[in-house]
């Protein structure tokens, strides 16, 4: 139930980008064009839900393949930074301040980089920054609100996280209706990425106010092959969203698929 004290807000929610070397990132240009030209949306925040970087050179899913040895950590880092640059281009156009209004939530692929930097002696003595946060800070002049992996970020009464854990093993919610599982366990409105699928659940409190759980799909290059995807790739939803908040923890979802803007 909306209240007179809350000013409506609009959040651009960008799911997992998984930028990899060779990615033309045209989908980010198309998103920016849509926001500016088609929707003319007034944005209050931009939230990157994690896995902007892919870091395929650090993946062990397919290290038995010959092409794995041709991958470059430097190239992985550069394409992820280029994806962030596209987001900053949009903030310049819509009048947002990246240090206040853009939230970069670490995903498990950013955490992969952080873990490798702590555990591999070859990387510990390299010139690469020791964390993705440091990488962004050292390589780019702009500043973002950077949030560590699996630390919830509370914005407009909603907990955003790359994924919300289902128990003591820190695993993401699974099953046929993971959004419903999230809602039953966390007792507040929650949003996550990670699964690359789309799912939504709601619960109505006795006073008529709503709780929502939203799993937001992915925003990947459809031409990129991902070793960990396999047959599950056909289940992925690809695009981005506007979350229109009308009260704390309560929002309408406007989903824009990649097919729609291509």
Protein backbone atom coordinates (compact mmCIF):
# COMPACT_ATOMS: atom_id res chain seq x y z
CA UNK A 1 0.00 0.00 0.00
CA UNK A 2 1.57 3.27 -1.13
CA UNK A 3 2.05 6.13 1.35
CA UNK A 4 2.20 9.88 0.81
CA UNK A 5 5.66 10.02 2.39
CA UNK A 6 7.42 8.02 -0.34
CA UNK A 7 8.43 9.73 -3.56
CA UNK A 8 8.23 7.23 -6.47
CA UNK A 9 11.62 6.10 -7.76
CA UNK A 10 12.82 4.31 -10.88
CA UNK A 11 15.78 1.92 -10.89
CA UNK A 12 17.51 0.59 -14.00
CA UNK A 13 18.36 -3.00 -13.09
CA UNK A 14 21.08 -4.53 -15.26
CA UNK A 15 21.38 -8.33 -14.93
CA UNK A 16 24.57 -10.37 -15.39
CA UNK A 17 26.45 -8.99 -18.41
CA UNK A 18 29.32 -11.54 -18.51
CA UNK A 19 31.51 -9.42 -20.78
CA UNK A 20 34.12 -11.56 -22.55
CA UNK A 21 36.89 -10.67 -25.02
CA UNK A 22 35.40 -10.18 -28.47
CA UNK A 23 32.07 -9.02 -27.06
CA UNK A 24 30.91 -6.00 -29.05
CA UNK A 25 28.74 -4.80 -26.13
CA UNK A 26 26.17 -3.51 -28.62
CA UNK A 27 23.38 -4.64 -26.33
CA UNK A 28 24.52 -2.01 -23.81
CA UNK A 29 24.39 0.66 -26.51
CA UNK A 30 20.89 -0.55 -27.41
CA UNK A 31 19.85 -0.36 -23.76
CA UNK A 32 21.19 3.18 -23.45
CA UNK A 33 19.40 4.22 -26.64
CA UNK A 34 16.14 2.69 -25.43
CA UNK A 35 16.33 4.46 -22.08
CA UNK A 36 17.12 7.80 -23.71
CA UNK A 37 14.98 7.69 -26.85
CA UNK A 38 12.16 5.21 -26.50
CA UNK A 39 11.24 5.25 -22.84
CA UNK A 40 12.61 8.68 -21.90
CA UNK A 41 12.75 7.24 -18.40
CA UNK A 42 13.79 9.36 -15.47
CA UNK A 43 16.25 7.22 -13.56
CA UNK A 44 17.07 7.55 -9.87
CA UNK A 45 19.50 4.63 -9.57
CA UNK A 46 21.35 2.10 -11.72
CA UNK A 47 22.03 -1.29 -10.15
CA UNK A 48 24.45 -3.78 -11.68
CA UNK A 49 23.47 -7.05 -10.03
CA UNK A 50 26.88 -8.72 -10.53
CA UNK A 51 28.95 -10.69 -13.06
CA UNK A 52 29.67 -7.67 -15.22
CA UNK A 53 33.04 -9.33 -15.71
CA UNK A 54 33.21 -12.98 -16.73
CA UNK A 55 36.94 -13.75 -16.23
CA UNK A 56 36.81 -16.85 -18.41
CA UNK A 57 40.60 -17.14 -18.14
CA UNK A 58 40.14 -18.07 -14.47
CA UNK A 59 37.38 -20.61 -15.10
CA UNK A 60 38.04 -24.28 -14.55
CA UNK A 61 34.83 -25.45 -16.24
CA UNK A 62 36.59 -26.07 -19.54
CA UNK A 63 40.33 -25.98 -18.78
CA UNK A 64 40.67 -29.30 -20.60
CA UNK A 65 39.98 -27.51 -23.90
CA UNK A 66 42.99 -26.27 -25.94
CA UNK A 67 41.48 -22.81 -26.39
CA UNK A 68 41.43 -22.33 -22.61
CA UNK A 69 45.19 -21.76 -22.74
CA UNK A 70 44.76 -18.91 -25.22
CA UNK A 71 42.69 -16.82 -22.83
CA UNK A 72 44.04 -13.61 -21.31
CA UNK A 73 43.30 -12.20 -17.87
CA UNK A 74 44.25 -8.76 -19.13
CA UNK A 75 41.74 -9.03 -21.97
CA UNK A 76 39.09 -10.27 -19.52
CA UNK A 77 39.67 -7.22 -17.35
CA UNK A 78 39.61 -4.75 -20.24
CA UNK A 79 36.28 -5.94 -21.66
CA UNK A 80 34.66 -5.79 -18.22
CA UNK A 81 35.92 -2.24 -17.78
CA UNK A 82 34.58 -1.37 -21.23
CA UNK A 83 31.14 -2.61 -20.15
CA UNK A 84 31.30 -0.35 -17.10
CA UNK A 85 32.24 2.54 -19.38
CA UNK A 86 28.98 2.03 -21.28
CA UNK A 87 27.03 2.38 -18.04
CA UNK A 88 28.91 5.57 -17.19
CA UNK A 89 28.04 6.92 -20.66
CA UNK A 90 24.39 6.55 -19.71
CA UNK A 91 24.81 8.30 -16.36
CA UNK A 92 26.31 11.29 -18.15
CA UNK A 93 23.27 11.45 -20.42
CA UNK A 94 20.60 11.15 -17.69
CA UNK A 95 22.29 13.33 -15.09
CA UNK A 96 23.20 10.67 -12.52
CA UNK A 97 26.29 10.80 -10.32
CA UNK A 98 28.10 7.42 -10.48
CA UNK A 99 29.49 7.77 -6.96
CA UNK A 100 25.96 8.25 -5.59
CA UNK A 101 23.59 6.63 -8.03
CA UNK A 102 25.35 3.60 -9.58
CA UNK A 103 25.62 0.45 -7.47
CA UNK A 104 27.97 -2.32 -8.61
CA UNK A 105 27.21 -5.49 -6.66
CA UNK A 106 29.90 -8.15 -6.93
CA UNK A 107 28.89 -11.47 -8.46
CA UNK A 108 30.55 -14.84 -8.16
CA UNK A 109 32.65 -14.10 -11.25
CA UNK A 110 34.12 -10.98 -9.65
CA UNK A 111 34.60 -13.04 -6.50
CA UNK A 112 36.42 -15.63 -8.65
CA UNK A 113 39.03 -12.99 -9.50
CA UNK A 114 39.36 -11.96 -5.85
CA UNK A 115 39.87 -15.56 -4.72
CA UNK A 116 42.45 -16.32 -7.39
CA UNK A 117 44.42 -13.23 -6.40
CA UNK A 118 44.58 -14.50 -2.83
CA UNK A 119 45.47 -18.10 -3.62
CA UNK A 120 47.69 -18.27 -6.73
CA UNK A 121 51.32 -17.27 -6.13
CA UNK A 122 51.79 -16.37 -9.79
CA UNK A 123 49.03 -13.77 -9.52
CA UNK A 124 50.05 -12.56 -6.07
CA UNK A 125 53.36 -11.39 -7.53
CA UNK A 126 51.83 -10.00 -10.74
CA UNK A 127 50.95 -6.40 -11.53
CA UNK A 128 47.22 -7.10 -11.48
CA UNK A 129 45.26 -5.33 -8.71
CA UNK A 130 44.37 -7.71 -5.91
CA UNK A 131 40.58 -7.21 -6.11
CA UNK A 132 38.07 -6.19 -8.76
CA UNK A 133 37.26 -3.13 -6.66
CA UNK A 134 40.92 -2.10 -6.84
CA UNK A 135 41.01 -2.91 -10.56
CA UNK A 136 38.16 -0.51 -11.28
CA UNK A 137 39.61 2.18 -9.02
CA UNK A 138 43.08 1.95 -10.56
CA UNK A 139 42.02 1.76 -14.19
CA UNK A 140 39.15 4.26 -14.23
CA UNK A 141 38.76 7.79 -12.89
CA UNK A 142 35.07 7.44 -12.05
CA UNK A 143 33.87 6.03 -8.73
CA UNK A 144 30.94 3.69 -8.16
CA UNK A 145 29.13 2.39 -5.11
CA UNK A 146 30.92 -0.95 -4.94
CA UNK A 147 29.43 -3.76 -2.85
CA UNK A 148 31.14 -7.00 -1.83
CA UNK A 149 29.91 -10.42 -2.91
CA UNK A 150 26.94 -11.78 -0.92
CA UNK A 151 26.52 -8.61 1.12
CA UNK A 152 22.90 -7.39 0.80
CA UNK A 153 22.40 -3.84 -0.44
CA UNK A 154 19.25 -2.16 0.89
CA UNK A 155 17.75 0.30 -1.58
CA UNK A 156 14.19 1.62 -1.34
CA UNK A 157 13.25 -1.04 1.20
CA UNK A 158 14.50 -3.92 -0.97
CA UNK A 159 17.53 -6.19 -0.53
CA UNK A 160 19.60 -6.48 -3.70
CA UNK A 161 22.28 -9.18 -3.88
CA UNK A 162 23.89 -11.22 -6.63
CA UNK A 163 22.12 -14.17 -5.11
CA UNK A 164 20.40 -14.72 -1.78
CA UNK A 165 21.53 -17.80 0.08
CA UNK A 166 19.17 -20.59 1.00
CA UNK A 167 21.01 -21.98 4.01
CA UNK A 168 24.25 -22.42 5.91
CA UNK A 169 26.13 -23.67 2.83
CA UNK A 170 25.72 -20.27 1.11
CA UNK A 171 24.04 -21.84 -1.92
CA UNK A 172 21.51 -19.91 -4.01
CA UNK A 173 17.84 -20.82 -3.93
CA UNK A 174 17.03 -23.56 -6.42
CA UNK A 175 14.06 -25.58 -7.65
CA UNK A 176 11.19 -24.75 -9.95
CA UNK A 177 10.10 -21.58 -8.10
CA UNK A 178 13.23 -20.08 -6.49
CA UNK A 179 11.62 -16.62 -6.13
CA UNK A 180 8.88 -18.09 -3.96
CA UNK A 181 11.52 -19.87 -1.87
CA UNK A 182 13.35 -16.57 -1.39
CA UNK A 183 10.20 -14.80 -0.29
CA UNK A 184 9.30 -17.48 2.25
CA UNK A 185 12.77 -17.45 3.78
CA UNK A 186 13.81 -13.80 3.78
CA UNK A 187 10.52 -12.10 4.75
CA UNK A 188 11.20 -8.91 2.79
CA UNK A 189 11.37 -7.78 -0.82
CA UNK A 190 14.47 -9.19 -2.51
CA UNK A 191 16.08 -8.99 -5.95
CA UNK A 192 18.88 -11.11 -7.39
CA UNK A 193 20.61 -12.18 -10.61
CA UNK A 194 22.95 -15.19 -11.01
CA UNK A 195 20.50 -17.83 -12.24
CA UNK A 196 19.99 -16.16 -15.66
CA UNK A 197 16.33 -17.20 -15.55
CA UNK A 198 13.31 -15.01 -14.86
CA UNK A 199 11.10 -15.59 -11.83
CA UNK A 200 8.78 -13.48 -9.69
CA UNK A 201 6.78 -14.07 -6.52
CA UNK A 202 4.65 -11.88 -4.29
CA UNK A 203 3.11 -12.04 -0.84
CA UNK A 204 0.42 -9.78 0.59
CA UNK A 205 0.67 -8.74 4.24
CA UNK A 206 -2.42 -8.36 6.41
CA UNK A 207 -2.31 -4.56 5.95
CA UNK A 208 -2.43 -4.95 2.14
CA UNK A 209 1.21 -4.06 1.48
CA UNK A 210 3.26 -6.35 -0.75
CA UNK A 211 6.49 -8.27 -0.56
CA UNK A 212 8.19 -9.16 -3.83
CA UNK A 213 10.98 -11.52 -4.87
CA UNK A 214 12.48 -11.05 -8.32
CA UNK A 215 15.13 -13.06 -10.18
CA UNK A 216 16.11 -10.89 -13.09
CA UNK A 217 17.61 -13.11 -15.83
CA UNK A 218 20.79 -12.16 -17.70
CA UNK A 219 22.06 -9.59 -20.21
CA UNK A 220 24.66 -11.58 -22.13
CA UNK A 221 25.84 -11.56 -25.72
CA UNK A 222 23.70 -14.25 -27.41
CA UNK A 223 26.65 -15.21 -29.61
CA UNK A 224 28.97 -15.97 -26.71
CA UNK A 225 29.43 -19.58 -25.70
CA UNK A 226 29.56 -20.27 -21.98
CA UNK A 227 31.09 -23.59 -20.93
CA UNK A 228 29.02 -23.77 -17.77
CA UNK A 229 25.69 -23.25 -19.57
CA UNK A 230 25.17 -26.45 -21.52
CA UNK A 231 21.58 -27.33 -22.32
CA UNK A 232 20.34 -24.93 -19.64
CA UNK A 233 21.19 -22.01 -21.93
CA UNK A 234 17.75 -22.26 -23.55
CA UNK A 235 16.17 -21.43 -20.17
CA UNK A 236 17.90 -18.07 -19.85
CA UNK A 237 16.04 -14.77 -20.20
CA UNK A 238 18.06 -11.95 -21.77
CA UNK A 239 17.41 -8.24 -21.21
CA UNK A 240 17.15 -5.52 -18.56
CA UNK A 241 14.48 -4.00 -16.33
CA UNK A 242 13.07 -0.81 -14.91
CA UNK A 243 11.83 -1.19 -11.34
CA UNK A 244 9.24 1.46 -10.60
CA UNK A 245 9.04 1.85 -6.81
CA UNK A 246 5.77 3.24 -5.51
CA UNK A 247 6.45 2.42 -1.83
CA UNK A 248 9.39 0.96 0.13
CA UNK A 249 9.87 -2.63 -0.99
CA UNK A 250 7.05 -2.39 -3.54
CA UNK A 251 7.65 -1.97 -7.24
CA UNK A 252 6.31 -2.63 -10.71
CA UNK A 253 8.66 -4.47 -13.05
CA UNK A 254 9.05 -3.25 -16.63
CA UNK A 255 11.11 -5.86 -18.49
CA UNK A 256 12.77 -5.14 -21.84
CA UNK A 257 14.09 -8.21 -23.60
CA UNK A 258 17.15 -8.19 -25.81
CA UNK A 259 14.96 -9.44 -28.66
CA UNK A 260 12.77 -6.35 -28.26
CA UNK A 261 15.62 -3.86 -28.67
CA UNK A 262 17.74 -5.76 -31.19
